[in-house]
Protein backbone atom coordinates (compact mmCIF):
# COMPACT_ATOMS: atom_id res chain seq x y z
CA UNK A 1 -12.38 -16.79 -8.90
CA UNK A 2 -14.27 -13.69 -10.05
CA UNK A 3 -13.15 -10.20 -9.11
CA UNK A 4 -14.61 -6.77 -9.65
CA UNK A 5 -11.88 -4.14 -10.11
CA UNK A 6 -12.68 -0.44 -9.86
CA UNK A 7 -10.04 1.91 -11.29
CA UNK A 8 -8.00 0.86 -14.32
CA UNK A 9 -5.20 3.43 -14.42
CA UNK A 10 -1.47 2.73 -14.50
CA UNK A 11 -1.65 0.31 -11.57
CA UNK A 12 -5.19 -1.01 -11.86
CA UNK A 13 -4.97 -1.77 -15.57
CA UNK A 14 -1.80 -3.82 -15.15
CA UNK A 15 -3.24 -5.60 -12.12
CA UNK A 16 -6.29 -6.62 -14.16
CA UNK A 17 -4.00 -8.14 -16.79
CA UNK A 18 -1.82 -10.00 -14.25
CA UNK A 19 -4.87 -11.47 -12.49
CA UNK A 20 -6.32 -12.60 -15.81
CA UNK A 21 -3.03 -14.23 -16.76
CA UNK A 22 -3.37 -16.31 -13.59
CA UNK A 23 -6.68 -17.67 -14.88
CA UNK A 24 -9.16 -15.59 -12.92
CA UNK A 25 -12.10 -13.57 -14.24
CA UNK A 26 -11.85 -9.80 -13.78
CA UNK A 27 -14.71 -7.39 -14.47
CA UNK A 28 -13.22 -3.90 -14.58
CA UNK A 29 -14.87 -0.50 -14.23
CA UNK A 30 -13.31 2.89 -14.86
CA UNK A 31 -14.78 6.32 -15.51
CA UNK A 32 -12.92 6.21 -18.81
CA UNK A 33 -15.15 4.00 -21.00
CA UNK A 34 -12.19 3.11 -23.22
CA UNK A 35 -10.66 1.21 -20.30
CA UNK A 36 -13.79 -0.28 -18.74
CA UNK A 37 -15.41 -3.69 -19.23
CA UNK A 38 -18.76 -2.41 -17.93
CA UNK A 39 -20.54 0.92 -17.89
CA UNK A 40 -21.22 1.38 -14.18
CA UNK A 41 -20.54 0.06 -10.69
CA UNK A 42 -24.01 -1.44 -10.66
CA UNK A 43 -23.29 -3.35 -13.85
CA UNK A 44 -20.02 -4.57 -12.33
CA UNK A 45 -21.75 -5.85 -9.18
CA UNK A 46 -24.58 -7.43 -11.16
CA UNK A 47 -22.02 -9.28 -13.30
CA UNK A 48 -20.42 -11.07 -10.34
CA UNK A 49 -21.68 -14.16 -8.55
CA UNK A 50 -22.16 -13.90 -4.79
CA UNK A 51 -20.25 -13.83 -2.54
CA UNK A 52 -18.50 -11.04 -4.41
CA UNK A 53 -15.07 -9.47 -4.01
CA UNK A 54 -14.65 -5.93 -5.34
CA UNK A 55 -11.16 -4.37 -5.36
CA UNK A 56 -10.99 -0.55 -5.38
CA UNK A 57 -7.96 1.14 -7.01
CA UNK A 58 -8.90 4.83 -7.09
CA UNK A 59 -7.21 7.90 -5.55
CA UNK A 60 -7.30 8.14 -1.77
CA UNK A 61 -9.75 10.47 -0.08
CA UNK A 62 -12.98 11.63 -1.68
CA UNK A 63 -12.80 9.27 -4.67
CA UNK A 64 -12.35 6.22 -2.45
CA UNK A 65 -15.05 7.37 -0.04
CA UNK A 66 -17.62 7.89 -2.79
CA UNK A 67 -16.81 4.48 -4.29
CA UNK A 68 -17.16 2.74 -0.93
CA UNK A 69 -20.44 4.57 -0.31
CA UNK A 70 -21.84 3.42 -3.65
CA UNK A 71 -20.65 -0.16 -3.19
CA UNK A 72 -22.25 -0.24 0.27
CA UNK A 73 -25.63 0.26 -1.41
CA UNK A 74 -24.99 -2.28 -4.19
CA UNK A 75 -23.31 -5.19 -2.42
CA UNK A 76 -24.88 -7.79 -0.15
CA UNK A 77 -23.99 -9.40 3.20
CA UNK A 78 -21.05 -11.77 2.74
CA UNK A 79 -19.41 -9.70 0.02
CA UNK A 80 -15.97 -8.14 0.55
CA UNK A 81 -14.49 -4.78 -0.49
CA UNK A 82 -10.70 -4.41 -0.86
CA UNK A 83 -9.14 -0.94 -0.86
CA UNK A 84 -5.86 -1.30 -2.73
CA UNK A 85 -5.20 2.43 -3.15
CA UNK A 86 -2.99 4.62 -0.99
CA UNK A 87 -5.61 5.42 1.62
CA UNK A 88 -4.69 6.58 5.10
CA UNK A 89 -5.07 3.77 7.63
CA UNK A 90 -7.53 5.80 9.71
CA UNK A 91 -9.89 5.88 6.70
CA UNK A 92 -9.76 2.07 6.61
CA UNK A 93 -11.22 1.85 10.10
CA UNK A 94 -14.04 4.17 9.07
CA UNK A 95 -14.79 2.25 5.87
CA UNK A 96 -14.69 -1.12 7.64
CA UNK A 97 -17.22 0.10 10.19
CA UNK A 98 -19.56 1.50 7.54
CA UNK A 99 -19.50 -1.72 5.53
CA UNK A 100 -19.72 -4.01 8.57
CA UNK A 101 -23.04 -2.34 9.45
CA UNK A 102 -24.38 -3.87 6.21
CA UNK A 103 -22.70 -7.25 6.68
CA UNK A 104 -19.99 -6.50 4.09
CA UNK A 105 -16.36 -7.35 4.81
CA UNK A 106 -13.42 -5.01 4.28
CA UNK A 107 -9.71 -5.59 3.62
CA UNK A 108 -7.13 -2.83 3.18
CA UNK A 109 -4.14 -3.62 0.99
CA UNK A 110 -0.98 -1.63 0.43
CA UNK A 111 0.36 -2.37 -3.04
CA UNK A 112 3.94 -1.76 -4.16
CA UNK A 113 5.35 -2.47 -7.59
CA UNK A 114 4.53 0.57 -9.69
CA UNK A 115 4.64 0.26 -13.45
CA UNK A 116 6.82 -2.88 -13.16
CA UNK A 117 4.24 -4.95 -11.30
CA UNK A 118 2.66 -6.57 -14.35
CA UNK A 119 5.79 -8.59 -15.08
CA UNK A 120 7.52 -8.66 -11.68
CA UNK A 121 4.52 -8.94 -9.38
CA UNK A 122 3.28 -6.66 -6.62
CA UNK A 123 4.35 -6.66 -2.98
CA UNK A 124 1.15 -6.80 -0.94
CA UNK A 125 0.52 -5.78 2.68
CA UNK A 126 -3.05 -6.38 3.80
CA UNK A 127 -5.07 -5.94 6.96
CA UNK A 128 -8.44 -7.28 8.07
CA UNK A 129 -10.24 -10.27 9.57
CA UNK A 130 -8.91 -13.67 8.54
CA UNK A 131 -12.25 -14.74 7.06
CA UNK A 132 -12.32 -11.73 4.74
CA UNK A 133 -8.65 -12.09 3.77
CA UNK A 134 -9.27 -15.74 2.87
CA UNK A 135 -11.89 -14.74 0.29
CA UNK A 136 -9.33 -12.53 -1.48
CA UNK A 137 -6.36 -14.91 -1.21
CA UNK A 138 -6.51 -16.28 -4.79
CA UNK A 139 -6.11 -12.72 -6.06
CA UNK A 140 -3.28 -12.01 -3.62
CA UNK A 141 -1.53 -15.14 -4.89
CA UNK A 142 -1.99 -14.02 -8.50
CA UNK A 143 -0.61 -10.53 -7.87
CA UNK A 144 2.37 -11.29 -5.63
CA UNK A 145 5.88 -11.91 -7.00
CA UNK A 146 7.02 -15.46 -7.57
CA UNK A 147 8.69 -17.08 -4.59
CA UNK A 148 8.14 -17.32 -0.88
CA UNK A 149 7.92 -13.65 -0.02
CA UNK A 150 6.09 -10.58 -1.28
CA UNK A 151 2.81 -10.70 0.63
CA UNK A 152 1.84 -10.45 4.29
CA UNK A 153 -1.28 -10.36 6.43
CA UNK A 154 0.01 -7.44 8.47
CA UNK A 155 -2.74 -7.40 11.10
CA UNK A 156 -6.07 -5.78 11.78
CA UNK A 157 -7.94 -3.41 9.47
CA UNK A 158 -5.61 -0.51 8.67
CA UNK A 159 -2.43 -2.53 9.16
CA UNK A 160 -1.88 -3.02 5.44
CA UNK A 161 -1.97 0.67 4.58
CA UNK A 162 0.04 1.53 7.70
CA UNK A 163 2.75 -0.92 6.61
CA UNK A 164 2.74 0.51 3.07
CA UNK A 165 2.98 4.03 4.51
CA UNK A 166 6.09 3.07 6.49
CA UNK A 167 7.49 1.36 3.37
CA UNK A 168 7.09 4.61 1.47
CA UNK A 169 8.69 6.59 4.28
CA UNK A 170 11.75 4.31 4.11
CA UNK A 171 11.71 4.73 0.33
CA UNK A 172 11.85 8.53 0.78
CA UNK A 173 14.99 8.25 2.92
CA UNK A 174 16.72 5.76 0.61
CA UNK A 175 16.05 7.91 -2.44
CA UNK A 176 17.36 10.96 -0.61
CA UNK A 177 20.61 9.16 0.27
CA UNK A 178 21.19 8.15 -3.37
CA UNK A 179 20.40 11.69 -4.48
CA UNK A 180 22.80 13.31 -2.02
CA UNK A 181 25.59 10.91 -2.96
CA UNK A 182 24.98 11.52 -6.66
CA UNK A 183 25.14 15.31 -6.24
CA UNK A 184 28.40 15.10 -4.27
CA UNK A 185 30.00 12.90 -6.93
CA UNK A 186 28.89 15.32 -9.63
CA UNK A 187 30.33 18.26 -7.67
CA UNK A 188 33.98 17.13 -7.56
CA UNK A 189 36.45 17.38 -10.43
CA UNK A 190 38.28 14.16 -9.62
CA UNK A 191 35.33 11.87 -10.43
CA UNK A 192 34.98 11.91 -14.20
CA UNK A 193 32.22 9.31 -14.74
CA UNK A 194 29.55 9.43 -12.06
CA UNK A 195 27.17 7.19 -13.99
CA UNK A 196 29.73 4.36 -14.13
CA UNK A 197 30.44 4.75 -10.42
CA UNK A 198 26.73 4.17 -9.76
CA UNK A 199 26.77 1.23 -12.17
CA UNK A 200 29.77 -0.32 -10.40
CA UNK A 201 27.77 -0.37 -7.15
CA UNK A 202 25.20 -2.74 -8.67
CA UNK A 203 27.36 -5.80 -7.91
CA UNK A 204 29.00 -6.75 -4.64
CA UNK A 205 28.19 -3.66 -2.59
CA UNK A 206 26.02 -3.37 0.51
CA UNK A 207 23.86 -0.68 -1.17
CA UNK A 208 23.00 -2.71 -4.28
CA UNK A 209 19.24 -2.65 -4.74
CA UNK A 210 16.44 -2.27 -7.25
CA UNK A 211 16.40 1.45 -6.44
CA UNK A 212 20.08 1.66 -7.42
CA UNK A 213 19.28 -0.22 -10.65
CA UNK A 214 16.60 2.36 -11.44
CA UNK A 215 19.02 5.20 -10.73
CA UNK A 216 21.41 3.72 -13.32
CA UNK A 217 18.53 3.43 -15.80
CA UNK A 218 17.70 7.09 -15.26
CA UNK A 219 21.35 8.09 -15.79
CA UNK A 220 21.48 5.99 -18.95
CA UNK A 221 18.53 8.01 -20.24
CA UNK A 222 20.03 11.38 -19.23
CA UNK A 223 23.59 11.09 -17.91
CA UNK A 224 23.61 14.30 -15.86
CA UNK A 225 19.81 14.64 -15.52
CA UNK A 226 20.21 17.90 -17.37
CA UNK A 227 16.73 17.76 -18.86
CA UNK A 228 14.97 17.60 -15.49
CA UNK A 229 13.95 20.37 -13.16
CA UNK A 230 15.02 19.78 -9.55
CA UNK A 231 11.47 19.47 -8.23
CA UNK A 232 9.89 16.42 -6.58
CA UNK A 233 6.32 15.98 -5.39
CA UNK A 234 5.34 13.92 -2.36
CA UNK A 235 2.40 11.53 -2.46
CA UNK A 236 1.23 12.27 1.08
CA UNK A 237 2.38 9.03 2.65
CA UNK A 238 5.70 10.57 3.72
CA UNK A 239 3.75 13.21 5.64
CA UNK A 240 1.53 10.57 7.24
CA UNK A 241 4.61 8.60 8.30
CA UNK A 242 6.07 11.63 10.08
CA UNK A 243 2.71 12.42 11.70
CA UNK A 244 2.43 8.82 12.94
CA UNK A 245 5.96 9.05 14.34
CA UNK A 246 4.98 12.16 16.30
CA UNK A 247 1.80 10.48 17.58
CA UNK A 248 3.80 7.47 18.77
CA UNK A 249 6.91 9.37 19.98
CA UNK A 250 9.15 7.44 17.57
CA UNK A 251 12.15 9.42 16.23
CA UNK A 252 12.41 9.36 12.41
CA UNK A 253 15.16 11.87 11.60
CA UNK A 254 16.17 10.42 8.20
CA UNK A 255 12.63 10.05 6.87
CA UNK A 256 11.59 13.48 8.21
CA UNK A 257 14.63 15.15 6.65
CA UNK A 258 13.93 13.51 3.29
CA UNK A 259 10.35 14.83 3.36
CA UNK A 260 11.51 18.35 4.19
CA UNK A 261 14.09 18.14 1.39
CA UNK A 262 11.22 17.69 -1.06
CA UNK A 263 9.51 20.76 0.34
CA UNK A 264 12.77 22.70 -0.14
CA UNK A 265 12.91 21.58 -3.78
CA UNK A 266 9.85 23.71 -4.47
CA UNK A 267 11.79 26.83 -3.54
CA UNK A 268 15.01 26.14 -5.45
CA UNK A 269 16.04 24.08 -8.46
CA UNK A 270 17.73 21.34 -6.45
CA UNK A 271 20.25 19.00 -8.12
CA UNK A 272 19.36 16.26 -5.63
CA UNK A 273 15.69 16.52 -6.52
CA UNK A 274 16.54 15.76 -10.14
CA UNK A 275 17.57 12.29 -8.99
CA UNK A 276 14.49 11.96 -6.75
CA UNK A 277 12.24 12.97 -9.65
CA UNK A 278 14.03 10.57 -11.98
CA UNK A 279 13.65 7.68 -9.54
CA UNK A 280 9.95 8.37 -8.94
CA UNK A 281 9.44 8.35 -12.69
CA UNK A 282 11.37 5.09 -13.07
CA UNK A 283 9.47 3.01 -10.52
CA UNK A 284 6.05 4.61 -10.50
CA UNK A 285 5.69 6.50 -13.76
CA UNK A 286 5.25 9.72 -11.77
CA UNK A 287 5.39 12.88 -13.83
CA UNK A 288 8.58 14.91 -13.97
CA UNK A 289 9.06 18.59 -14.69
CA UNK A 290 11.42 19.31 -17.56
CA UNK A 291 13.36 22.51 -17.96
């Protein structure tokens, strides 16, 4: 099939390549002309045969809103817009309504895989009407990991980004647990090789995971994370997860504590946040602050 892809950064650029490897045609647009296949959104839309599917991979908020607004004027009834960025699920409902008024479908898609997705595939969580999802399915199949799992039609519009938000909240808590354990091991005199303790957990233990593998990679690069400052940003989805928990009266003590730990890292140089920063850099290419 043909796909228009808007936003060709770390994620979008690799997604374009993976979709092309699966045999599909991708017309990409980015504000950086060195990355783009076409010079404008209009040129992208004009280059696709109807009914069109245009996938948006730009920052959440104003950038996504302006892109959706422009596409609403360029696309035609029967076309579909996919928001694959990290938008808040409440924005999805707004965008779906705005596009539906013009006969344009909308699918929201949470995408996980970071800088490793090109080779390993992307876990996909999408929401929207079945007829709109069906139009995008060849692209979903191209992007997902090999095997039975890795993609899900999570429900109505907004369900995909809500599921991805909860995924990221769980990720916050898991990273915090690894970071706290790492700091405790580093603090005692009796443990003389913390990195190899972490490595030993990669086989046969109940906490073995890709996140643990990435922690070992980070320690191989910098055994005591001495080059990093103990500061970790939050993408916003952890905050949204806690807010949704409050709205629905669901207790999330571990996820909430992990979010607040990141806030605390901005007041002190936290050893634990060195591990959090290292992990975020490993899976997502997020920037770190060096000493």
